[in-house]
Amino acid sequence: MNTTQTESGQSLEQGIPATSTQTAPLPQGQPGHAQARDLRAKSPTIAAILSMLPGLGQVYVGYYQRGFIHILVVGSLISLLSSGILWALTPLFGLFMAFFWLYNMIDAARRATLYNEALAGRPGIELPEDFNFKGIKGSILGGWVLVIVGIMLLLNTLFGVSLDWLEYWWPVIPILIGAYLLYRAVQDRKESESAD
């Protein structure tokens, strides 16, 4: 019989390839492969790109509270800078906003990586309290804020109630949110001290 050798080392006998007991490994990403990517994984690149709108990358990963705080910080800074109220501090606030904006993008990418590490079951990773695998949790503060904003906008669109007063009173919103966050921090500290 006429036996020839191919470049890959397989023997051919009259044009028929020799059978082998070895099977080719499954390519990455195919069903059955041990290293298949978890479909719940988040892309750090997408998280960073979405964070060009501050907070959106964190929301994409599942850090809803942090995402809304980031957009609130940037929105407040833009409002302060455009109002001219603190014109002497404009350079300071401008630099801080640029720094915070970039930090926000890096933070979103790092949190996406942390999320993926947690999905992979890596030991020693502690997730923050606001980390969320399964969607939006209930929030009393967030719920009240949305209800109040919705009522104000509805009054404006249906009954023509003026919203001019917001120009002077909008700083009350970050004050109230800051007071609530301080209150929660004090309560959490008391609970942790009483648990010890």
N, C-alpha and C. Protein backbone atom coordinates (compact mmCIF):
# COMPACT_ATOMS: atom_id res chain seq x y z
N MET A 1 0.83 -1.18 0.00
CA MET A 1 0.00 0.00 0.00
C MET A 1 0.87 1.24 0.00
N ASN A 2 0.32 2.28 -0.61
CA ASN A 2 1.08 3.52 -0.72
C ASN A 2 0.74 4.42 0.47
N THR A 3 1.73 4.60 1.37
CA THR A 3 1.52 5.42 2.57
C THR A 3 2.36 6.67 2.46
N THR A 4 1.74 7.83 2.65
CA THR A 4 2.46 9.11 2.61
C THR A 4 2.27 9.83 3.93
N GLN A 5 3.16 10.78 4.19
CA GLN A 5 3.12 11.57 5.43
C GLN A 5 2.71 13.00 5.09
N THR A 6 1.73 13.54 5.81
CA THR A 6 1.32 14.92 5.59
C THR A 6 2.19 15.84 6.43
N GLU A 7 2.04 17.17 6.18
CA GLU A 7 2.83 18.14 6.93
C GLU A 7 2.52 18.10 8.42
N SER A 8 1.29 17.75 8.79
CA SER A 8 0.93 17.72 10.20
C SER A 8 1.33 16.41 10.87
N GLY A 9 1.91 15.49 10.12
CA GLY A 9 2.37 14.25 10.72
C GLY A 9 1.37 13.12 10.60
N GLN A 10 0.21 13.35 9.99
CA GLN A 10 -0.77 12.28 9.84
C GLN A 10 -0.38 11.41 8.66
N SER A 11 -0.60 10.12 8.81
CA SER A 11 -0.30 9.21 7.70
C SER A 11 -1.55 9.04 6.84
N LEU A 12 -1.33 9.04 5.54
CA LEU A 12 -2.43 8.84 4.61
C LEU A 12 -2.23 7.52 3.90
N GLU A 13 -3.26 6.70 3.89
CA GLU A 13 -3.19 5.42 3.21
C GLU A 13 -4.19 5.44 2.08
N GLN A 14 -3.69 5.54 0.86
CA GLN A 14 -4.49 5.64 -0.34
C GLN A 14 -5.50 6.79 -0.24
N GLY A 15 -5.03 7.95 0.27
CA GLY A 15 -5.85 9.14 0.31
C GLY A 15 -6.82 9.21 1.47
N ILE A 16 -6.85 8.19 2.38
CA ILE A 16 -7.76 8.19 3.52
C ILE A 16 -6.96 8.56 4.76
N PRO A 17 -7.38 9.61 5.51
CA PRO A 17 -6.61 9.98 6.70
C PRO A 17 -6.70 8.91 7.77
N ALA A 18 -5.60 8.76 8.50
CA ALA A 18 -5.57 7.78 9.58
C ALA A 18 -6.43 8.27 10.73
N THR A 19 -7.12 7.33 11.37
CA THR A 19 -7.97 7.72 12.49
C THR A 19 -7.11 7.88 13.73
N SER A 20 -7.58 8.75 14.62
CA SER A 20 -6.84 9.01 15.85
C SER A 20 -7.82 8.97 17.01
N THR A 21 -7.34 8.50 18.15
CA THR A 21 -8.20 8.44 19.32
C THR A 21 -8.28 9.78 20.03
N GLN A 22 -7.40 10.71 19.69
CA GLN A 22 -7.41 12.01 20.33
C GLN A 22 -8.47 12.91 19.69
N THR A 23 -9.15 13.70 20.53
CA THR A 23 -10.12 14.66 20.01
C THR A 23 -9.56 16.06 20.16
N ALA A 24 -9.94 16.91 19.23
CA ALA A 24 -9.44 18.28 19.28
C ALA A 24 -10.09 19.01 20.45
N PRO A 25 -9.33 19.87 21.14
CA PRO A 25 -9.92 20.60 22.26
C PRO A 25 -10.99 21.58 21.77
N LEU A 26 -11.99 21.79 22.61
CA LEU A 26 -13.03 22.75 22.27
C LEU A 26 -12.46 24.15 22.24
N PRO A 27 -12.81 24.95 21.24
CA PRO A 27 -12.32 26.32 21.24
C PRO A 27 -12.93 27.12 22.37
N GLN A 28 -12.22 28.18 22.78
CA GLN A 28 -12.71 29.05 23.85
C GLN A 28 -14.09 29.58 23.51
N GLY A 29 -14.97 29.61 24.52
CA GLY A 29 -16.30 30.19 24.34
C GLY A 29 -17.34 29.22 23.81
N GLN A 30 -16.92 27.98 23.41
CA GLN A 30 -17.89 27.01 22.92
C GLN A 30 -18.54 26.29 24.09
N PRO A 31 -19.78 25.83 23.94
CA PRO A 31 -20.43 25.08 25.03
C PRO A 31 -19.61 23.87 25.42
N GLY A 32 -19.47 23.65 26.71
CA GLY A 32 -18.71 22.51 27.19
C GLY A 32 -17.29 22.86 27.56
N HIS A 33 -16.81 24.01 27.19
CA HIS A 33 -15.44 24.39 27.52
C HIS A 33 -15.40 24.86 28.96
N ALA A 34 -14.39 24.42 29.69
CA ALA A 34 -14.30 24.74 31.12
C ALA A 34 -14.10 26.23 31.37
N GLN A 35 -13.49 26.92 30.43
CA GLN A 35 -13.19 28.34 30.62
C GLN A 35 -14.20 29.25 29.93
N ALA A 36 -15.41 28.74 29.65
CA ALA A 36 -16.41 29.56 28.98
C ALA A 36 -16.72 30.79 29.82
N ARG A 37 -16.92 31.90 29.16
CA ARG A 37 -17.15 33.18 29.84
C ARG A 37 -18.54 33.21 30.44
N ASP A 38 -18.64 33.68 31.68
CA ASP A 38 -19.94 33.81 32.35
C ASP A 38 -20.72 34.92 31.67
N LEU A 39 -21.96 34.63 31.28
CA LEU A 39 -22.77 35.60 30.57
C LEU A 39 -23.14 36.80 31.44
N ARG A 40 -23.04 36.67 32.76
CA ARG A 40 -23.33 37.78 33.66
C ARG A 40 -22.16 38.74 33.82
N ALA A 41 -21.01 38.39 33.25
CA ALA A 41 -19.81 39.22 33.41
C ALA A 41 -20.02 40.58 32.75
N LYS A 42 -19.37 41.58 33.31
CA LYS A 42 -19.48 42.95 32.81
C LYS A 42 -18.14 43.37 32.19
N SER A 43 -18.22 44.13 31.13
CA SER A 43 -17.02 44.59 30.44
C SER A 43 -16.49 45.86 31.10
N PRO A 44 -15.24 45.85 31.60
CA PRO A 44 -14.66 47.06 32.16
C PRO A 44 -14.59 48.20 31.14
N THR A 45 -14.36 47.87 29.87
CA THR A 45 -14.29 48.89 28.83
C THR A 45 -15.64 49.57 28.63
N ILE A 46 -16.70 48.77 28.56
CA ILE A 46 -18.04 49.34 28.41
C ILE A 46 -18.40 50.17 29.63
N ALA A 47 -18.03 49.70 30.83
CA ALA A 47 -18.31 50.45 32.05
C ALA A 47 -17.63 51.81 32.02
N ALA A 48 -16.37 51.85 31.56
CA ALA A 48 -15.65 53.12 31.49
C ALA A 48 -16.26 54.05 30.45
N ILE A 49 -16.65 53.50 29.30
CA ILE A 49 -17.25 54.33 28.24
C ILE A 49 -18.60 54.89 28.70
N LEU A 50 -19.42 54.04 29.35
CA LEU A 50 -20.71 54.51 29.85
C LEU A 50 -20.53 55.60 30.90
N SER A 51 -19.40 55.56 31.62
CA SER A 51 -19.17 56.55 32.67
C SER A 51 -18.74 57.90 32.12
N MET A 52 -18.69 58.04 30.80
CA MET A 52 -18.55 59.40 30.26
C MET A 52 -19.75 60.23 30.69
N LEU A 53 -20.89 59.57 30.90
CA LEU A 53 -22.00 60.19 31.61
C LEU A 53 -21.86 59.70 33.04
N PRO A 54 -21.38 60.54 33.94
CA PRO A 54 -20.99 60.09 35.28
C PRO A 54 -22.08 59.27 35.97
N GLY A 55 -21.64 58.14 36.52
CA GLY A 55 -22.53 57.26 37.26
C GLY A 55 -23.14 56.15 36.44
N LEU A 56 -23.20 56.30 35.12
CA LEU A 56 -23.87 55.30 34.29
C LEU A 56 -23.08 53.98 34.26
N GLY A 57 -21.77 54.06 34.30
CA GLY A 57 -20.96 52.83 34.33
C GLY A 57 -21.17 52.05 35.61
N GLN A 58 -21.29 52.77 36.74
CA GLN A 58 -21.55 52.10 38.01
C GLN A 58 -22.93 51.44 37.99
N VAL A 59 -23.92 52.12 37.40
CA VAL A 59 -25.26 51.54 37.30
C VAL A 59 -25.23 50.30 36.42
N TYR A 60 -24.46 50.32 35.33
CA TYR A 60 -24.31 49.16 34.44
C TYR A 60 -23.79 47.95 35.20
N VAL A 61 -22.85 48.17 36.11
CA VAL A 61 -22.27 47.06 36.86
C VAL A 61 -23.21 46.59 37.97
N GLY A 62 -23.98 47.51 38.54
CA GLY A 62 -24.89 47.13 39.61
C GLY A 62 -24.74 47.96 40.87
N TYR A 63 -23.89 48.98 40.84
CA TYR A 63 -23.70 49.86 41.98
C TYR A 63 -24.61 51.08 41.81
N TYR A 64 -25.90 50.88 42.04
CA TYR A 64 -26.89 51.92 41.75
C TYR A 64 -26.72 53.15 42.64
N GLN A 65 -26.56 52.92 43.93
CA GLN A 65 -26.44 54.05 44.85
C GLN A 65 -25.22 54.91 44.50
N ARG A 66 -24.10 54.27 44.25
CA ARG A 66 -22.88 55.00 43.90
C ARG A 66 -23.05 55.74 42.58
N GLY A 67 -23.72 55.13 41.62
CA GLY A 67 -23.94 55.78 40.34
C GLY A 67 -24.75 57.06 40.48
N PHE A 68 -25.82 57.01 41.27
CA PHE A 68 -26.64 58.21 41.45
C PHE A 68 -25.91 59.28 42.24
N ILE A 69 -25.06 58.88 43.18
CA ILE A 69 -24.26 59.87 43.92
C ILE A 69 -23.29 60.56 42.96
N HIS A 70 -22.68 59.81 42.06
CA HIS A 70 -21.72 60.40 41.11
C HIS A 70 -22.39 61.43 40.20
N ILE A 71 -23.57 61.10 39.68
CA ILE A 71 -24.23 62.06 38.79
C ILE A 71 -24.70 63.28 39.58
N LEU A 72 -25.06 63.08 40.84
CA LEU A 72 -25.47 64.20 41.68
C LEU A 72 -24.29 65.13 41.95
N VAL A 73 -23.12 64.56 42.22
CA VAL A 73 -21.92 65.37 42.47
C VAL A 73 -21.57 66.20 41.24
N VAL A 74 -21.53 65.54 40.08
CA VAL A 74 -21.14 66.25 38.85
C VAL A 74 -22.19 67.29 38.48
N GLY A 75 -23.47 66.94 38.59
CA GLY A 75 -24.53 67.91 38.29
C GLY A 75 -24.47 69.12 39.20
N SER A 76 -24.20 68.89 40.49
CA SER A 76 -24.08 70.01 41.43
C SER A 76 -22.88 70.89 41.09
N LEU A 77 -21.77 70.28 40.72
CA LEU A 77 -20.58 71.06 40.36
C LEU A 77 -20.84 71.90 39.11
N ILE A 78 -21.49 71.30 38.11
CA ILE A 78 -21.80 72.05 36.89
C ILE A 78 -22.72 73.22 37.21
N SER A 79 -23.71 72.99 38.07
CA SER A 79 -24.63 74.06 38.46
C SER A 79 -23.90 75.18 39.19
N LEU A 80 -23.01 74.82 40.09
CA LEU A 80 -22.23 75.84 40.81
C LEU A 80 -21.35 76.65 39.86
N LEU A 81 -20.70 75.96 38.94
CA LEU A 81 -19.80 76.65 38.02
C LEU A 81 -20.56 77.56 37.06
N SER A 82 -21.73 77.11 36.62
CA SER A 82 -22.48 77.92 35.65
C SER A 82 -23.24 79.08 36.31
N SER A 83 -23.51 78.96 37.61
CA SER A 83 -24.26 80.02 38.29
C SER A 83 -23.40 81.25 38.58
N GLY A 84 -22.11 81.05 38.71
CA GLY A 84 -21.22 82.17 39.02
C GLY A 84 -21.28 82.62 40.47
N ILE A 85 -21.96 81.86 41.32
CA ILE A 85 -22.08 82.24 42.73
C ILE A 85 -20.71 82.24 43.40
N LEU A 86 -19.93 81.25 43.12
CA LEU A 86 -18.61 81.13 43.75
C LEU A 86 -17.52 81.39 42.71
N TRP A 87 -17.58 82.53 42.06
CA TRP A 87 -16.67 82.81 40.95
C TRP A 87 -15.21 82.77 41.38
N ALA A 88 -14.92 83.12 42.63
CA ALA A 88 -13.53 83.11 43.09
C ALA A 88 -12.98 81.68 43.19
N LEU A 89 -13.87 80.71 43.38
CA LEU A 89 -13.45 79.32 43.52
C LEU A 89 -13.65 78.51 42.24
N THR A 90 -13.93 79.19 41.14
CA THR A 90 -14.17 78.48 39.88
C THR A 90 -13.00 77.58 39.46
N PRO A 91 -11.74 78.04 39.56
CA PRO A 91 -10.64 77.13 39.18
C PRO A 91 -10.59 75.87 40.05
N LEU A 92 -10.81 76.03 41.35
CA LEU A 92 -10.78 74.88 42.26
C LEU A 92 -11.88 73.89 41.91
N PHE A 93 -13.12 74.39 41.75
CA PHE A 93 -14.23 73.50 41.42
C PHE A 93 -14.06 72.89 40.03
N GLY A 94 -13.49 73.66 39.09
CA GLY A 94 -13.25 73.13 37.75
C GLY A 94 -12.27 71.98 37.75
N LEU A 95 -11.16 72.14 38.49
CA LEU A 95 -10.17 71.06 38.58
C LEU A 95 -10.74 69.85 39.30
N PHE A 96 -11.50 70.12 40.36
CA PHE A 96 -12.10 69.00 41.08
C PHE A 96 -13.07 68.23 40.20
N MET A 97 -13.86 68.95 39.39
CA MET A 97 -14.82 68.27 38.52
C MET A 97 -14.09 67.42 37.48
N ALA A 98 -13.01 67.95 36.89
CA ALA A 98 -12.25 67.17 35.91
C ALA A 98 -11.67 65.91 36.56
N PHE A 99 -11.12 66.08 37.77
CA PHE A 99 -10.56 64.93 38.50
C PHE A 99 -11.65 63.92 38.81
N PHE A 100 -12.79 64.39 39.30
CA PHE A 100 -13.87 63.48 39.69
C PHE A 100 -14.43 62.76 38.48
N TRP A 101 -14.53 63.45 37.35
CA TRP A 101 -15.05 62.84 36.13
C TRP A 101 -14.16 61.67 35.70
N LEU A 102 -12.84 61.89 35.70
CA LEU A 102 -11.92 60.82 35.32
C LEU A 102 -11.91 59.70 36.36
N TYR A 103 -11.93 60.08 37.64
CA TYR A 103 -12.02 59.07 38.70
C TYR A 103 -13.26 58.20 38.51
N ASN A 104 -14.37 58.82 38.14
CA ASN A 104 -15.62 58.12 37.94
C ASN A 104 -15.48 57.04 36.86
N MET A 105 -14.77 57.35 35.78
CA MET A 105 -14.58 56.37 34.70
C MET A 105 -13.68 55.22 35.15
N ILE A 106 -12.59 55.54 35.87
CA ILE A 106 -11.69 54.50 36.37
C ILE A 106 -12.40 53.63 37.39
N ASP A 107 -13.19 54.26 38.25
CA ASP A 107 -13.93 53.52 39.28
C ASP A 107 -14.90 52.52 38.64
N ALA A 108 -15.59 52.93 37.59
CA ALA A 108 -16.54 52.03 36.93
C ALA A 108 -15.82 50.81 36.34
N ALA A 109 -14.67 51.04 35.70
CA ALA A 109 -13.92 49.93 35.12
C ALA A 109 -13.41 48.97 36.20
N ARG A 110 -12.93 49.53 37.31
CA ARG A 110 -12.42 48.69 38.39
C ARG A 110 -13.55 47.90 39.05
N ARG A 111 -14.73 48.51 39.16
CA ARG A 111 -15.85 47.81 39.77
C ARG A 111 -16.36 46.69 38.85
N ALA A 112 -16.28 46.89 37.54
CA ALA A 112 -16.64 45.82 36.61
C ALA A 112 -15.68 44.64 36.77
N THR A 113 -14.39 44.94 36.94
CA THR A 113 -13.40 43.88 37.16
C THR A 113 -13.68 43.15 38.46
N LEU A 114 -14.01 43.90 39.52
CA LEU A 114 -14.34 43.30 40.80
C LEU A 114 -15.57 42.40 40.69
N TYR A 115 -16.56 42.87 39.96
CA TYR A 115 -17.78 42.08 39.74
C TYR A 115 -17.42 40.75 39.08
N ASN A 116 -16.58 40.80 38.04
CA ASN A 116 -16.18 39.58 37.33
C ASN A 116 -15.40 38.63 38.23
N GLU A 117 -14.53 39.20 39.07
CA GLU A 117 -13.76 38.37 40.01
C GLU A 117 -14.70 37.69 41.00
N ALA A 118 -15.72 38.41 41.45
CA ALA A 118 -16.69 37.82 42.38
C ALA A 118 -17.48 36.71 41.70
N LEU A 119 -17.85 36.90 40.43
CA LEU A 119 -18.56 35.85 39.69
C LEU A 119 -17.69 34.61 39.54
N ALA A 120 -16.38 34.81 39.39
CA ALA A 120 -15.47 33.69 39.22
C ALA A 120 -15.22 32.96 40.53
N GLY A 121 -15.72 33.53 41.64
CA GLY A 121 -15.55 32.89 42.94
C GLY A 121 -14.18 33.04 43.53
N ARG A 122 -13.48 34.11 43.18
CA ARG A 122 -12.14 34.33 43.73
C ARG A 122 -12.22 34.60 45.22
N PRO A 123 -11.41 33.92 46.03
CA PRO A 123 -11.46 34.14 47.48
C PRO A 123 -10.85 35.48 47.87
N GLY A 124 -11.31 36.00 48.99
CA GLY A 124 -10.72 37.22 49.54
C GLY A 124 -11.28 38.51 48.99
N ILE A 125 -12.30 38.45 48.13
CA ILE A 125 -12.88 39.67 47.58
C ILE A 125 -14.08 40.04 48.42
N GLU A 126 -14.01 41.22 49.02
CA GLU A 126 -15.13 41.72 49.81
C GLU A 126 -15.87 42.76 48.98
N LEU A 127 -17.14 42.52 48.74
CA LEU A 127 -17.93 43.45 47.95
C LEU A 127 -18.56 44.50 48.85
N PRO A 128 -18.65 45.74 48.38
CA PRO A 128 -19.27 46.80 49.18
C PRO A 128 -20.74 46.50 49.44
N GLU A 129 -21.30 47.22 50.42
CA GLU A 129 -22.69 46.98 50.80
C GLU A 129 -23.66 47.32 49.67
N ASP A 130 -23.31 48.31 48.82
CA ASP A 130 -24.25 48.70 47.78
C ASP A 130 -24.11 47.86 46.52
N PHE A 131 -23.22 46.82 46.57
CA PHE A 131 -23.07 45.94 45.43
C PHE A 131 -24.33 45.12 45.24
N ASN A 132 -24.71 44.91 43.99
CA ASN A 132 -26.01 44.30 43.75
C ASN A 132 -25.93 43.39 42.54
N PHE A 133 -26.14 42.09 42.73
CA PHE A 133 -26.14 41.15 41.62
C PHE A 133 -27.46 41.12 40.87
N LYS A 134 -28.58 41.36 41.55
CA LYS A 134 -29.88 41.01 40.99
C LYS A 134 -30.77 42.17 40.63
N GLY A 135 -30.28 43.35 40.47
CA GLY A 135 -31.15 44.44 40.09
C GLY A 135 -31.31 45.45 41.20
N ILE A 136 -32.25 46.36 41.03
CA ILE A 136 -32.41 47.48 41.94
C ILE A 136 -33.12 47.04 43.21
N LYS A 137 -32.53 47.37 44.35
CA LYS A 137 -33.18 47.13 45.62
C LYS A 137 -34.06 48.33 45.95
N GLY A 138 -34.96 48.14 46.90
CA GLY A 138 -35.80 49.24 47.34
C GLY A 138 -34.98 50.29 48.07
N SER A 139 -35.39 51.53 47.93
CA SER A 139 -34.71 52.63 48.61
C SER A 139 -35.74 53.67 49.01
N ILE A 140 -35.86 53.91 50.32
CA ILE A 140 -36.83 54.89 50.79
C ILE A 140 -36.45 56.28 50.29
N LEU A 141 -35.16 56.65 50.44
CA LEU A 141 -34.72 57.98 50.01
C LEU A 141 -34.92 58.15 48.50
N GLY A 142 -34.44 57.18 47.72
CA GLY A 142 -34.58 57.28 46.27
C GLY A 142 -36.03 57.34 45.83
N GLY A 143 -36.88 56.54 46.51
CA GLY A 143 -38.29 56.55 46.17
C GLY A 143 -38.94 57.90 46.44
N TRP A 144 -38.65 58.50 47.60
CA TRP A 144 -39.23 59.81 47.93
C TRP A 144 -38.74 60.89 46.99
N VAL A 145 -37.45 60.85 46.65
CA VAL A 145 -36.90 61.87 45.74
C VAL A 145 -37.61 61.80 44.39
N LEU A 146 -37.77 60.58 43.86
CA LEU A 146 -38.43 60.43 42.56
C LEU A 146 -39.90 60.85 42.61
N VAL A 147 -40.58 60.51 43.72
CA VAL A 147 -41.99 60.90 43.86
C VAL A 147 -42.13 62.42 43.89
N ILE A 148 -41.28 63.10 44.67
CA ILE A 148 -41.36 64.56 44.79
C ILE A 148 -41.03 65.23 43.47
N VAL A 149 -39.96 64.76 42.81
CA VAL A 149 -39.59 65.35 41.51
C VAL A 149 -40.71 65.13 40.50
N GLY A 150 -41.28 63.94 40.49
CA GLY A 150 -42.38 63.66 39.56
C GLY A 150 -43.59 64.54 39.81
N ILE A 151 -43.95 64.76 41.08
CA ILE A 151 -45.09 65.62 41.40
C ILE A 151 -44.82 67.06 40.95
N MET A 152 -43.59 67.55 41.21
CA MET A 152 -43.27 68.93 40.80
C MET A 152 -43.35 69.09 39.29
N LEU A 153 -42.82 68.14 38.54
CA LEU A 153 -42.86 68.22 37.08
C LEU A 153 -44.29 68.10 36.56
N LEU A 154 -45.08 67.24 37.21
CA LEU A 154 -46.47 67.09 36.80
C LEU A 154 -47.26 68.39 37.04
N LEU A 155 -47.03 69.03 38.19
CA LEU A 155 -47.69 70.30 38.47
C LEU A 155 -47.31 71.36 37.45
N ASN A 156 -46.04 71.31 37.02
CA ASN A 156 -45.57 72.28 36.03
C ASN A 156 -46.20 72.04 34.67
N THR A 157 -46.26 70.78 34.24
CA THR A 157 -46.76 70.50 32.89
C THR A 157 -48.29 70.57 32.79
N LEU A 158 -48.99 70.13 33.85
CA LEU A 158 -50.46 70.11 33.79
C LEU A 158 -51.09 71.43 34.20
N PHE A 159 -50.55 72.05 35.23
CA PHE A 159 -51.20 73.23 35.80
C PHE A 159 -50.38 74.51 35.67
N GLY A 160 -49.23 74.44 35.04
CA GLY A 160 -48.42 75.62 34.81
C GLY A 160 -47.79 76.21 36.06
N VAL A 161 -47.63 75.40 37.11
CA VAL A 161 -46.98 75.88 38.34
C VAL A 161 -45.53 76.20 38.02
N SER A 162 -45.09 77.41 38.35
CA SER A 162 -43.74 77.87 38.02
C SER A 162 -42.70 77.11 38.84
N LEU A 163 -41.59 76.82 38.19
CA LEU A 163 -40.47 76.18 38.86
C LEU A 163 -39.30 77.15 39.03
N ASP A 164 -39.57 78.45 38.94
CA ASP A 164 -38.50 79.45 39.07
C ASP A 164 -37.84 79.40 40.44
N TRP A 165 -38.59 79.01 41.46
CA TRP A 165 -38.03 78.96 42.81
C TRP A 165 -36.89 77.96 42.93
N LEU A 166 -36.82 76.97 41.99
CA LEU A 166 -35.73 75.98 42.04
C LEU A 166 -34.36 76.63 41.83
N GLU A 167 -34.34 77.76 41.11
CA GLU A 167 -33.07 78.45 40.87
C GLU A 167 -32.41 78.85 42.18
N TYR A 168 -33.21 79.16 43.20
CA TYR A 168 -32.66 79.61 44.47
C TYR A 168 -32.59 78.49 45.52
N TRP A 169 -33.47 77.49 45.41
CA TRP A 169 -33.60 76.48 46.45
C TRP A 169 -32.97 75.13 46.11
N TRP A 170 -32.40 74.96 44.89
CA TRP A 170 -31.85 73.65 44.55
C TRP A 170 -30.74 73.18 45.49
N PRO A 171 -29.93 74.08 46.13
CA PRO A 171 -28.89 73.56 47.04
C PRO A 171 -29.44 72.80 48.24
N VAL A 172 -30.74 72.94 48.51
CA VAL A 172 -31.32 72.19 49.63
C VAL A 172 -31.25 70.69 49.36
N ILE A 173 -31.33 70.29 48.09
CA ILE A 173 -31.34 68.87 47.75
C ILE A 173 -30.04 68.17 48.18
N PRO A 174 -28.84 68.67 47.75
CA PRO A 174 -27.62 67.98 48.24
C PRO A 174 -27.45 68.09 49.75
N ILE A 175 -27.96 69.16 50.37
CA ILE A 175 -27.87 69.28 51.83
C ILE A 175 -28.67 68.16 52.49
N LEU A 176 -29.90 67.94 52.01
CA LEU A 176 -30.74 66.89 52.59
C LEU A 176 -30.15 65.50 52.36
N ILE A 177 -29.63 65.28 51.16
CA ILE A 177 -29.03 63.97 50.88
C ILE A 177 -27.78 63.76 51.73
N GLY A 178 -26.96 64.81 51.88
CA GLY A 178 -25.77 64.71 52.73
C GLY A 178 -26.13 64.44 54.18
N ALA A 179 -27.19 65.13 54.66
CA ALA A 179 -27.63 64.91 56.05
C ALA A 179 -28.11 63.47 56.24
N TYR A 180 -28.82 62.95 55.24
CA TYR A 180 -29.29 61.57 55.33
C TYR A 180 -28.12 60.60 55.36
N LEU A 181 -27.13 60.83 54.49
CA LEU A 181 -25.96 59.93 54.45
C LEU A 181 -25.18 59.98 55.76
N LEU A 182 -25.06 61.19 56.36
CA LEU A 182 -24.39 61.30 57.66
C LEU A 182 -25.16 60.54 58.73
N TYR A 183 -26.48 60.70 58.71
CA TYR A 183 -27.32 60.00 59.68
C TYR A 183 -27.15 58.49 59.56
N ARG A 184 -27.16 57.99 58.31
CA ARG A 184 -26.99 56.55 58.10
C ARG A 184 -25.63 56.07 58.56
N ALA A 185 -24.58 56.88 58.31
CA ALA A 185 -23.23 56.49 58.73
C ALA A 185 -23.14 56.40 60.25
N VAL A 186 -23.75 57.37 60.95
CA VAL A 186 -23.74 57.35 62.42
C VAL A 186 -24.50 56.13 62.93
N GLN A 187 -25.66 55.84 62.32
CA GLN A 187 -26.45 54.68 62.74
C GLN A 187 -25.71 53.38 62.50
N ASP A 188 -25.04 53.27 61.36
CA ASP A 188 -24.28 52.05 61.06
C ASP A 188 -23.13 51.88 62.04
N ARG A 189 -22.46 52.98 62.40
CA ARG A 189 -21.36 52.90 63.35
C ARG A 189 -21.86 52.46 64.73
N LYS A 190 -23.01 53.00 65.15
CA LYS A 190 -23.57 52.60 66.44
C LYS A 190 -23.93 51.12 66.43
N GLU A 191 -24.51 50.64 65.34
CA GLU A 191 -24.89 49.24 65.25
C GLU A 191 -23.67 48.33 65.29
N SER A 192 -22.59 48.74 64.58
CA SER A 192 -21.38 47.90 64.58
C SER A 192 -20.71 47.90 65.95
N GLU A 193 -20.76 49.04 66.67
CA GLU A 193 -20.17 49.09 68.01
C GLU A 193 -20.99 48.27 69.00
N SER A 194 -22.31 48.29 68.86
CA SER A 194 -23.15 47.51 69.77
C SER A 194 -23.03 46.01 69.48
N ALA A 195 -22.72 45.65 68.22
CA ALA A 195 -22.55 44.24 67.87
C ALA A 195 -21.26 43.68 68.46
N ASP A 196 -20.25 44.55 68.64
CA ASP A 196 -18.97 44.10 69.20
C ASP A 196 -19.10 43.97 70.69
